[in-house]
Protein backbone atom coordinates (compact mmCIF):
# COMPACT_ATOMS: atom_id res chain seq x y z
CA MET A 1 -30.90 -1.42 44.14
CA THR A 2 -27.13 -0.66 44.52
CA LYS A 3 -25.61 1.19 41.64
CA PRO A 4 -22.70 -0.83 39.86
CA GLU A 5 -19.30 0.39 40.59
CA ARG A 6 -17.96 2.72 37.71
CA LYS A 7 -14.60 1.88 36.17
CA SER A 8 -14.63 4.51 33.46
CA ALA A 9 -12.10 7.34 33.93
CA VAL A 10 -14.57 9.62 32.04
CA ALA A 11 -18.08 8.49 33.05
CA THR A 12 -17.65 8.37 36.74
CA GLY A 13 -21.29 9.01 37.58
CA ARG A 14 -20.49 11.62 40.19
CA GLY A 15 -22.55 14.11 38.03
CA ASP A 16 -25.61 12.14 38.08
CA ASP A 17 -27.01 14.20 40.74
CA GLY A 18 -26.88 17.36 38.62
CA THR A 19 -23.59 18.72 40.17
CA THR A 20 -20.10 19.28 38.84
CA GLY A 21 -16.79 19.65 40.42
CA LEU A 22 -14.50 22.88 40.12
CA LEU A 23 -10.71 23.27 39.63
CA PHE A 24 -8.63 23.17 42.72
CA GLY A 25 -11.42 21.41 44.69
CA GLY A 26 -13.88 23.06 46.74
CA ASP A 27 -17.70 22.53 46.99
CA ARG A 28 -19.34 20.96 43.92
CA ILE A 29 -21.94 23.22 42.22
CA SER A 30 -25.04 22.74 40.16
CA LYS A 31 -24.70 22.08 36.40
CA ASP A 32 -27.07 25.03 35.77
CA ASP A 33 -24.88 27.46 38.06
CA PRO A 34 -24.02 30.70 36.18
CA ARG A 35 -20.35 29.60 36.20
CA THR A 36 -21.12 26.30 34.60
CA GLU A 37 -23.34 28.10 32.11
CA ALA A 38 -20.41 30.50 31.28
CA TYR A 39 -17.64 27.93 30.86
CA GLY A 40 -19.95 25.53 28.99
CA ALA A 41 -20.47 28.20 26.49
CA ILE A 42 -16.88 28.58 26.06
CA ASP A 43 -16.55 24.81 25.59
CA GLU A 44 -19.06 25.16 22.84
CA ALA A 45 -17.08 28.03 21.20
CA VAL A 46 -14.05 25.86 21.05
CA ALA A 47 -15.91 23.03 19.44
CA ALA A 48 -17.41 25.46 16.78
CA LEU A 49 -13.87 26.73 16.07
CA GLY A 50 -12.97 23.16 15.53
CA LEU A 51 -15.36 23.03 12.64
CA ALA A 52 -13.53 26.08 11.35
CA ARG A 53 -10.20 24.44 11.64
CA ALA A 54 -11.39 21.16 10.16
CA GLU A 55 -12.61 23.14 7.06
CA LEU A 56 -9.26 24.83 6.65
CA ALA A 57 -7.49 21.46 6.93
CA LEU A 58 -9.67 20.07 4.12
CA LYS A 59 -8.91 23.07 2.00
CA ALA A 60 -5.05 22.69 2.73
CA GLN A 61 -5.17 19.02 2.03
CA HIS A 62 -6.75 19.68 -1.47
CA GLY A 63 -4.35 22.71 -2.15
CA THR A 64 -7.17 25.29 -2.23
CA LEU A 65 -6.35 27.24 0.91
CA PRO A 66 -6.36 30.90 -0.39
CA ARG A 67 -3.27 33.00 0.55
CA LEU A 68 -5.31 35.71 2.31
CA ILE A 69 -6.19 33.19 5.08
CA ALA A 70 -3.21 30.88 5.04
CA ARG A 71 -2.44 31.82 8.71
CA LEU A 72 -5.97 31.21 9.82
CA PRO A 73 -5.45 27.62 11.02
CA GLU A 74 -2.57 28.64 13.51
CA VAL A 75 -4.74 31.70 14.61
CA ILE A 76 -7.76 29.54 15.33
CA LEU A 77 -5.76 26.93 17.23
CA ARG A 78 -4.09 29.71 19.35
CA ILE A 79 -7.65 30.95 20.13
CA GLN A 80 -8.90 27.53 21.02
CA ARG A 81 -6.05 27.02 23.49
CA GLU A 82 -6.61 30.48 25.12
CA LEU A 83 -10.36 29.64 25.43
CA PHE A 84 -9.19 26.77 27.66
CA VAL A 85 -7.61 29.40 29.96
CA ALA A 86 -10.76 31.41 30.00
CA GLY A 87 -12.86 28.34 30.84
CA ALA A 88 -10.29 27.35 33.48
CA GLU A 89 -10.66 30.77 35.25
CA LEU A 90 -14.55 30.44 35.22
CA ALA A 91 -14.31 26.90 36.48
CA THR A 92 -12.28 28.02 39.51
CA ALA A 93 -14.18 28.52 42.86
CA PRO A 94 -13.73 32.17 43.97
CA GLY A 95 -11.88 30.90 47.18
CA ALA A 96 -9.30 29.16 45.10
CA ALA A 97 -8.51 32.13 42.70
CA GLY A 98 -5.16 32.68 44.38
CA ARG A 99 -4.08 29.32 42.99
CA GLN A 100 -4.53 30.33 39.30
CA ARG A 101 -1.59 30.81 37.07
CA PRO A 102 -1.71 33.69 34.60
CA GLY A 103 -1.96 32.66 31.07
CA GLU A 104 -2.62 29.09 32.06
CA THR A 105 -5.79 29.26 34.31
CA ARG A 106 -6.38 32.98 34.37
CA VAL A 107 -6.80 35.40 31.44
CA THR A 108 -4.24 38.13 31.34
CA ALA A 109 -4.13 41.67 29.96
CA ALA A 110 -1.34 40.38 27.58
CA MET A 111 -3.90 38.06 26.03
CA VAL A 112 -6.35 40.81 25.35
CA VAL A 113 -3.56 42.90 23.72
CA GLY A 114 -2.72 39.92 21.57
CA LEU A 115 -6.22 39.89 20.20
CA ASP A 116 -6.03 43.66 19.60
CA GLU A 117 -2.89 43.02 17.55
CA LEU A 118 -4.77 40.18 15.54
CA LEU A 119 -7.74 42.63 15.01
CA ASP A 120 -5.40 45.30 13.68
CA GLU A 121 -3.81 43.00 11.28
CA ALA A 122 -6.96 41.47 10.12
CA GLU A 123 -8.62 44.68 9.46
CA ALA A 124 -5.62 46.04 7.43
CA HIS A 125 -6.40 43.14 4.77
CA VAL A 126 -10.18 42.96 4.86
CA ASP A 127 -12.80 45.20 3.12
CA LEU A 128 -15.39 45.55 6.10
CA PRO A 129 -19.20 45.69 5.16
CA LYS A 130 -21.01 48.86 6.16
CA GLU A 131 -24.18 46.90 7.26
CA PHE A 132 -25.26 43.89 9.09
CA VAL A 133 -24.30 40.52 7.33
CA VAL A 134 -26.32 37.28 6.94
CA PRO A 135 -23.89 34.30 7.81
CA GLY A 136 -23.73 31.39 5.41
CA GLU A 137 -21.74 32.59 2.34
CA THR A 138 -19.18 29.93 2.89
CA ARG A 139 -18.95 26.98 5.30
CA LEU A 140 -15.77 28.36 6.93
CA SER A 141 -17.29 31.86 7.44
CA ALA A 142 -20.43 30.32 8.77
CA ALA A 143 -18.41 28.26 11.32
CA LEU A 144 -16.61 31.40 12.39
CA GLU A 145 -19.90 33.30 12.81
CA LEU A 146 -21.29 30.36 14.91
CA ALA A 147 -18.30 30.54 17.06
CA ARG A 148 -18.61 34.37 17.33
CA THR A 149 -22.30 34.06 18.66
CA ILE A 150 -21.28 31.45 21.22
CA VAL A 151 -18.55 33.69 22.42
CA ARG A 152 -20.99 36.35 22.84
CA ARG A 153 -23.19 34.06 24.95
CA ALA A 154 -20.13 33.13 27.01
CA GLU A 155 -19.50 36.77 27.48
CA ARG A 156 -23.08 37.55 28.70
CA ARG A 157 -22.77 34.59 31.12
CA ALA A 158 -19.42 35.77 32.34
CA VAL A 159 -20.98 39.24 33.09
CA ALA A 160 -23.78 37.56 35.15
CA VAL A 161 -21.00 35.69 37.18
CA ARG A 162 -19.11 38.88 37.71
CA LYS A 163 -22.11 40.62 39.18
CA THR A 164 -22.18 38.20 42.15
CA GLU A 165 -18.47 36.98 42.23
CA PRO A 166 -15.56 39.31 41.18
CA LEU A 167 -13.41 37.71 38.51
CA PRO A 168 -9.62 37.98 39.17
CA ASP A 169 -7.77 40.80 37.36
CA ASP A 170 -11.17 41.42 35.43
CA GLN A 171 -9.61 40.60 32.01
CA LEU A 172 -12.01 37.65 31.14
CA VAL A 173 -14.89 39.79 29.88
CA PRO A 174 -12.74 42.18 27.80
CA TYR A 175 -11.01 39.24 26.23
CA LEU A 176 -14.37 37.63 25.23
CA ASN A 177 -15.64 40.92 23.88
CA ARG A 178 -12.59 41.49 21.76
CA LEU A 179 -12.60 37.91 20.55
CA ALA A 180 -16.19 38.14 19.31
CA ASP A 181 -15.18 41.20 17.32
CA LEU A 182 -12.12 39.29 15.91
CA LEU A 183 -14.16 36.29 14.92
CA TRP A 184 -16.63 38.54 12.97
CA ILE A 185 -13.57 40.13 10.93
CA LEU A 186 -11.99 36.67 10.38
CA ALA A 187 -15.37 35.52 8.86
CA ARG A 188 -15.20 38.31 6.41
CA ALA A 189 -11.61 37.41 5.72
CA ALA A 190 -12.74 33.93 5.08
CA GLU A 191 -15.36 35.01 2.50
CA GLN A 192 -12.90 37.33 0.80
CA GLY A 193 -10.32 34.73 0.75
CA GLU A 194 -12.51 32.67 -1.55
CA SER A 195 -13.61 35.73 -3.42
CA ARG A 196 -17.04 35.74 -2.00
CA ALA A 197 -18.90 38.86 -0.90
CA ALA A 198 -20.82 38.97 2.41
CA THR A 199 -24.55 38.90 2.09
CA SER A 200 -26.30 41.93 3.26
CA SER A 201 -29.13 41.67 5.76
CA LYS A 202 -31.05 44.08 3.63
CA ALA A 203 -33.21 42.69 0.85
CA ALA A 204 -32.36 43.92 -2.62
CA ASP A 205 -34.57 46.88 -3.67
CA ARG A 206 -37.40 45.82 -5.92
CA PRO A 207 -38.52 47.94 -8.96
């Protein structure tokens, strides 16, 4: 039976064979290729950060956005946009790396430095726990923690890609590593902004 012609700009049907295209052309690759796994995880992280940003928008709408995290919506949006850059770098075939544009389709050292600056700023205003934390104290902090764990997965997948195919400038993995650290601190800021304390992973001592 002949397949009907697809007219949708989104559902083209080209991926029905389990392959996907890359930026700047080149051969299609399997949807379970290490590259696809890596930039797919980055896509998940962007979505998880969307949950956090939506929660912040709801607080702002009701006038309950704490001062400590008043800048968090713009920070999260900036991170989401930068993750699109990271995803684009991974979605580029090695032979087309020379066509990438720094800061647009390739992660730069300046982007890593930018995260370091956000880390320093956040740490200056947050009391950091001295032990592991159980996520879920607030919906906002839980969304940030979810994004953090997905970024860690993206980092692991990017390391796997790097073992077989060198990444241009080699800034992608440091960026993801730093971002996961930042998201952990932002989750703590979210808790403290709502006067909530992080829940320790250690059970309380019993008499």
